Amino acid sequence: MAVKIRLARGGRKKRPFYRIVVASSEAPRDGRFIESIGSYDPLPATEQVRIDNDRLGYWLGQGAEPTDTVRNLIQRHAKMS
């Protein structure tokens, strides 16, 4: 069982909002997760990305693998900070 850092969709129709979560690779996209470590709101004029860097570092240290999309968000978040 692999642990992934990925997006879980929330919000309503045509108004997406995503939580950045740590979850088992076998869990459904919007299902059970281990921990929520941030959020991503793609709709405002400037995208809003919030990530708890301490928890992100912890989970990466434990071997959690970010998805491609989350990896890109992490890189953009590091540039903005």
Protein backbone atom coordinates (compact mmCIF):
# COMPACT_ATOMS: atom_id res chain seq x y z
CA MET A 1 0.00 0.00 0.00
CA ALA A 2 1.54 3.29 -1.14
CA VAL A 3 0.81 6.66 0.41
CA LYS A 4 0.11 9.53 -2.00
CA ILE A 5 -0.19 13.29 -1.61
CA ARG A 6 -3.02 14.24 -3.94
CA LEU A 7 -6.03 16.49 -4.51
CA ALA A 8 -9.52 15.79 -3.20
CA ARG A 9 -12.25 17.79 -4.94
CA GLY A 10 -14.81 19.81 -3.05
CA GLY A 11 -17.03 22.73 -3.93
CA ARG A 12 -20.14 22.73 -6.04
CA LYS A 13 -20.80 22.24 -9.72
CA LYS A 14 -18.58 24.49 -11.89
CA ARG A 15 -16.94 25.92 -8.71
CA PRO A 16 -14.14 23.50 -7.81
CA PHE A 17 -12.12 23.72 -4.64
CA TYR A 18 -9.44 21.18 -3.76
CA ARG A 19 -7.91 19.96 -0.53
CA ILE A 20 -4.34 18.68 -0.63
CA VAL A 21 -4.52 15.41 1.28
CA VAL A 22 -2.32 12.49 2.26
CA ALA A 23 -4.15 9.27 1.41
CA SER A 24 -3.65 5.62 0.61
CA SER A 25 -3.28 5.01 -3.10
CA GLU A 26 -6.19 2.55 -2.84
CA ALA A 27 -8.65 5.09 -1.36
CA PRO A 28 -11.18 6.84 -3.65
CA ARG A 29 -10.36 10.38 -4.83
CA ASP A 30 -12.83 12.07 -2.48
CA GLY A 31 -12.91 9.27 0.08
CA ARG A 32 -10.95 8.46 3.19
CA PHE A 33 -7.67 10.28 3.75
CA ILE A 34 -5.03 10.30 6.46
CA GLU A 35 -4.47 14.04 6.81
CA SER A 36 -5.34 17.30 5.06
CA ILE A 37 -2.19 19.41 4.61
CA GLY A 38 -3.44 22.29 2.47
CA SER A 39 -5.87 23.65 -0.08
CA TYR A 40 -5.94 24.87 -3.67
CA ASP A 41 -8.53 27.28 -5.11
CA PRO A 42 -8.05 27.60 -8.88
CA LEU A 43 -10.81 30.14 -9.57
CA PRO A 44 -9.72 33.53 -8.18
CA ALA A 45 -7.77 35.83 -10.50
CA THR A 46 -4.64 34.70 -8.67
CA GLU A 47 -4.71 31.04 -7.73
CA GLN A 48 -4.65 30.47 -3.99
CA VAL A 49 -2.42 27.67 -2.77
CA ARG A 50 -2.02 27.02 0.97
CA ILE A 51 0.29 24.25 2.16
CA ASP A 52 1.48 23.36 5.67
CA ASN A 53 5.20 23.04 4.91
CA ASP A 54 6.01 21.26 8.19
CA ARG A 55 3.50 18.47 7.53
CA LEU A 56 4.48 18.30 3.85
CA GLY A 57 8.11 17.77 4.85
CA TYR A 58 7.09 15.13 7.37
CA TRP A 59 5.09 13.11 4.85
CA LEU A 60 7.73 13.40 2.13
CA GLY A 61 10.24 12.13 4.70
CA GLN A 62 7.95 9.18 5.41
CA GLY A 63 7.99 8.23 1.72
CA ALA A 64 4.68 9.72 0.55
CA GLU A 65 4.69 10.29 -3.21
CA PRO A 66 3.05 13.50 -4.55
CA THR A 67 1.04 13.27 -7.75
CA ASP A 68 2.24 15.28 -10.75
CA THR A 69 -0.35 18.02 -10.15
CA VAL A 70 0.51 18.35 -6.47
CA ARG A 71 4.23 18.40 -7.30
CA ASN A 72 3.59 21.36 -9.63
CA LEU A 73 1.54 23.15 -6.95
CA ILE A 74 4.32 22.64 -4.41
CA GLN A 75 6.87 24.14 -6.80
CA ARG A 76 4.66 27.16 -7.55
CA HIS A 77 3.92 27.63 -3.84
CA ALA A 78 7.67 27.64 -3.06
CA LYS A 79 8.20 30.38 -5.69
CA MET A 80 5.37 32.50 -4.24
CA SER A 81 6.62 32.23 -0.64
